[in-house]
N, C-alpha and C. Protein backbone atom coordinates (compact mmCIF):
# COMPACT_ATOMS: atom_id res chain seq x y z
N UNK A 1 0.76 -1.07 0.07
CA UNK A 1 -0.05 -0.09 -0.01
C UNK A 1 0.95 1.32 0.11
N UNK A 2 0.72 2.16 -0.95
CA UNK A 2 1.59 3.26 -0.86
C UNK A 2 0.86 4.37 0.16
N UNK A 3 1.69 5.37 0.44
CA UNK A 3 1.27 6.31 1.25
C UNK A 3 -0.06 7.08 0.96
N UNK A 4 -0.37 7.17 -0.35
CA UNK A 4 -1.53 7.87 -0.70
C UNK A 4 -2.70 6.93 -0.41
N UNK A 5 -2.40 5.64 -0.41
CA UNK A 5 -3.90 4.77 -0.41
C UNK A 5 -4.09 4.65 1.30
N UNK A 6 -3.05 4.83 2.12
CA UNK A 6 -3.46 4.65 3.51
C UNK A 6 -4.47 5.65 3.91
N UNK A 7 -4.43 6.94 3.79
CA UNK A 7 -5.65 7.74 4.31
C UNK A 7 -6.97 7.26 3.56
N UNK A 8 -6.94 6.83 2.42
CA UNK A 8 -8.07 6.47 1.72
C UNK A 8 -8.67 5.00 2.43
N UNK A 9 -7.91 4.35 2.77
CA UNK A 9 -8.34 2.93 3.51
C UNK A 9 -8.74 3.35 4.90
N UNK A 10 -8.15 4.45 5.52
CA UNK A 10 -8.80 4.70 6.83
C UNK A 10 -9.99 5.26 6.81
N UNK A 11 -10.16 6.19 5.62
CA UNK A 11 -11.59 6.61 5.52
C UNK A 11 -12.53 5.51 5.13
N UNK A 12 -12.21 4.63 4.48
CA UNK A 12 -13.02 3.61 3.83
C UNK A 12 -13.49 2.65 5.00
N UNK A 13 -12.46 2.32 6.22
CA UNK A 13 -12.83 1.60 7.36
C UNK A 13 -13.69 2.66 8.22
N UNK A 14 -13.58 3.72 8.56
CA UNK A 14 -14.25 4.92 9.15
C UNK A 14 -15.85 4.68 8.62
N UNK A 15 -15.99 4.82 7.32
CA UNK A 15 -17.26 4.98 6.68
C UNK A 15 -17.94 3.51 6.91
N UNK A 16 -17.27 2.47 6.91
CA UNK A 16 -17.81 1.08 7.08
C UNK A 16 -18.21 0.92 8.54
N UNK A 17 -17.50 1.64 9.27
CA UNK A 17 -17.85 1.45 10.97
C UNK A 17 -19.03 2.36 11.08
N UNK A 18 -19.26 3.37 10.45
CA UNK A 18 -20.55 4.26 10.62
C UNK A 18 -21.63 3.61 9.92
N UNK A 19 -21.45 3.09 8.81
CA UNK A 19 -22.51 2.16 8.12
C UNK A 19 -23.00 1.29 9.05
N UNK A 20 -22.23 0.35 9.65
CA UNK A 20 -22.65 -0.76 10.60
C UNK A 20 -23.42 0.00 11.69
N UNK A 21 -22.77 0.89 12.31
CA UNK A 21 -23.59 1.59 13.54
C UNK A 21 -24.94 2.03 13.07
N UNK A 22 -25.11 2.56 11.83
CA UNK A 22 -26.19 3.22 11.34
C UNK A 22 -27.22 2.03 11.22
N UNK A 23 -26.69 0.73 10.56
CA UNK A 23 -27.60 -0.22 10.34
C UNK A 23 -28.20 -1.12 11.76
N UNK A 24 -27.00 -1.13 12.55
CA UNK A 24 -27.53 -1.60 13.94
C UNK A 24 -28.49 -0.63 14.56
N UNK A 25 -28.41 0.41 14.37
CA UNK A 25 -29.41 1.40 15.18
C UNK A 25 -30.81 1.12 14.45
N UNK A 26 -30.72 1.20 13.05
CA UNK A 26 -32.10 1.08 12.46
C UNK A 26 -32.62 -0.34 12.64
N UNK A 27 -31.78 -1.30 12.69
CA UNK A 27 -32.46 -2.69 12.94
C UNK A 27 -33.11 -2.64 14.46
N UNK A 28 -32.29 -2.21 15.50
CA UNK A 28 -32.83 -2.04 16.78
C UNK A 28 -34.14 -1.21 16.88
N UNK A 29 -34.43 -0.29 16.10
CA UNK A 29 -35.54 0.46 16.08
C UNK A 29 -36.85 -0.50 15.51
N UNK A 30 -36.39 -1.29 14.72
CA UNK A 30 -37.53 -2.14 14.35
C UNK A 30 -37.54 -3.73 15.35
N UNK A 31 -36.84 -3.53 16.28
CA UNK A 31 -36.81 -4.81 17.19
C UNK A 31 -35.98 -5.84 16.79
N UNK A 32 -34.98 -5.61 15.84
CA UNK A 32 -34.24 -6.64 15.42
C UNK A 32 -32.71 -6.58 15.86
N UNK A 33 -32.10 -7.55 16.23
CA UNK A 33 -30.77 -7.59 16.49
C UNK A 33 -29.88 -8.62 15.75
N UNK A 34 -28.82 -8.19 15.21
CA UNK A 34 -28.04 -9.22 14.42
C UNK A 34 -26.59 -9.22 15.25
N UNK A 35 -26.51 -10.26 16.09
CA UNK A 35 -25.32 -9.98 16.89
C UNK A 35 -23.93 -10.23 16.27
N UNK A 36 -24.14 -10.83 15.15
CA UNK A 36 -22.81 -10.99 14.23
C UNK A 36 -22.67 -9.83 13.23
N UNK A 37 -23.30 -8.80 13.40
CA UNK A 37 -23.23 -7.70 12.48
C UNK A 37 -21.78 -7.08 12.62
N UNK A 38 -21.02 -6.86 11.68
CA UNK A 38 -19.58 -6.26 11.81
C UNK A 38 -19.06 -6.14 10.41
N UNK A 39 -17.90 -5.50 10.54
CA UNK A 39 -16.94 -5.43 9.25
C UNK A 39 -16.51 -6.78 9.13
N UNK A 40 -16.29 -7.25 7.93
CA UNK A 40 -15.64 -8.61 7.69
C UNK A 40 -14.10 -8.34 7.95
N UNK A 41 -13.54 -8.88 9.01
CA UNK A 41 -12.09 -8.63 9.32
C UNK A 41 -11.10 -9.04 8.19
N UNK A 42 -11.48 -9.86 7.36
CA UNK A 42 -10.77 -10.41 6.18
C UNK A 42 -10.48 -9.30 5.35
N UNK A 43 -11.56 -8.64 5.00
CA UNK A 43 -11.62 -7.66 4.11
C UNK A 43 -10.67 -6.39 4.64
N UNK A 44 -10.72 -5.96 5.87
CA UNK A 44 -9.72 -5.16 6.45
C UNK A 44 -8.40 -5.34 6.31
N UNK A 45 -7.96 -6.75 6.45
CA UNK A 45 -6.55 -6.98 6.12
C UNK A 45 -5.98 -6.99 4.88
N UNK A 46 -6.82 -6.70 3.84
CA UNK A 46 -6.15 -6.93 2.63
C UNK A 46 -5.33 -5.63 2.38
N UNK A 47 -4.33 -5.55 1.46
CA UNK A 47 -3.45 -4.55 1.10
C UNK A 47 -4.28 -3.32 0.86
N UNK A 48 -5.28 -3.47 -0.10
CA UNK A 48 -6.06 -2.41 -0.52
C UNK A 48 -7.62 -2.93 -0.15
N UNK A 49 -7.99 -2.45 1.06
CA UNK A 49 -9.23 -2.85 1.42
C UNK A 49 -10.49 -2.63 0.44
N UNK A 50 -11.24 -3.64 0.26
CA UNK A 50 -12.50 -3.80 -0.28
C UNK A 50 -13.34 -4.22 0.71
N UNK A 51 -13.91 -3.15 1.59
CA UNK A 51 -14.76 -3.79 2.82
C UNK A 51 -15.94 -4.26 2.53
N UNK A 52 -16.43 -5.52 3.41
CA UNK A 52 -17.58 -6.01 3.30
C UNK A 52 -18.13 -5.95 4.71
N UNK A 53 -19.57 -6.00 4.77
CA UNK A 53 -20.25 -5.96 6.12
C UNK A 53 -20.93 -7.40 6.22
N UNK A 54 -20.59 -8.11 7.28
CA UNK A 54 -20.95 -9.50 7.62
C UNK A 54 -22.39 -9.13 8.40
N UNK A 55 -23.46 -9.77 7.93
CA UNK A 55 -24.80 -9.56 8.57
C UNK A 55 -24.76 -10.70 9.59
N UNK A 56 -24.19 -11.94 9.34
CA UNK A 56 -24.20 -12.98 10.20
C UNK A 56 -25.39 -13.63 10.51
N UNK A 57 -25.51 -14.59 11.49
CA UNK A 57 -26.67 -15.26 11.60
C UNK A 57 -27.48 -14.72 12.42
N UNK A 58 -28.77 -15.27 12.41
CA UNK A 58 -29.93 -14.94 13.41
C UNK A 58 -30.77 -15.74 13.82
N UNK A 59 -31.67 -15.62 14.64
CA UNK A 59 -32.62 -16.62 15.02
C UNK A 59 -33.75 -16.47 13.98
N UNK A 60 -34.57 -17.59 13.78
CA UNK A 60 -35.80 -17.43 13.01
C UNK A 60 -36.53 -16.34 13.23
N UNK A 61 -36.90 -16.04 14.45
CA UNK A 61 -37.83 -14.93 14.80
C UNK A 61 -37.11 -13.56 14.53
N UNK A 62 -35.80 -13.37 14.56
CA UNK A 62 -35.25 -12.28 14.04
C UNK A 62 -35.21 -12.22 12.45
N UNK A 63 -35.12 -13.25 11.77
CA UNK A 63 -35.23 -13.14 10.46
C UNK A 63 -36.68 -12.90 10.02
N UNK A 64 -37.63 -13.54 10.74
CA UNK A 64 -39.02 -13.01 10.49
C UNK A 64 -39.20 -11.45 10.72
N UNK A 65 -38.66 -10.84 11.69
CA UNK A 65 -38.90 -9.57 11.99
C UNK A 65 -38.06 -8.67 10.93
N UNK A 66 -37.03 -9.05 10.43
CA UNK A 66 -36.32 -8.28 9.37
C UNK A 66 -37.04 -8.49 8.12
N UNK A 67 -37.87 -9.65 7.77
CA UNK A 67 -38.39 -9.63 6.59
C UNK A 67 -39.74 -8.71 6.59
N UNK A 68 -40.43 -8.68 7.81
CA UNK A 68 -41.60 -7.82 7.97
C UNK A 68 -41.19 -6.52 8.14
N UNK A 69 -40.00 -6.00 8.43
CA UNK A 69 -39.43 -4.54 8.40
C UNK A 69 -39.22 -4.16 6.95
N UNK A 70 -38.56 -4.96 6.29
CA UNK A 70 -38.27 -4.79 4.79
C UNK A 70 -39.55 -4.75 3.95
N UNK A 71 -40.65 -5.55 4.35
CA UNK A 71 -41.88 -5.41 3.51
C UNK A 71 -42.58 -4.06 3.81
N UNK A 72 -42.49 -3.55 4.98
CA UNK A 72 -43.22 -2.22 5.46
C UNK A 72 -42.39 -0.93 4.99
N UNK A 73 -41.37 -1.09 4.50
CA UNK A 73 -40.61 0.00 4.01
C UNK A 73 -40.98 0.46 2.66
N UNK A 74 -41.14 1.78 2.28
CA UNK A 74 -41.66 2.18 1.03
C UNK A 74 -40.80 1.73 -0.17
């Protein structure tokens, strides 16, 4: 990674963390918890990060709540 890429990578990680927090907050408002929600650590470790968000596993009840919340959005 060149010096010019490092600030970009840091900004990408910060944006991904903000996105995870926003998603976690929005899900909580809908009564949904995805305990495994996080930035995929493997994608952070790459020389040129191409970040992915892991939604992870959840219970059937949480999946049903998520589906219902998505159906009710415009």
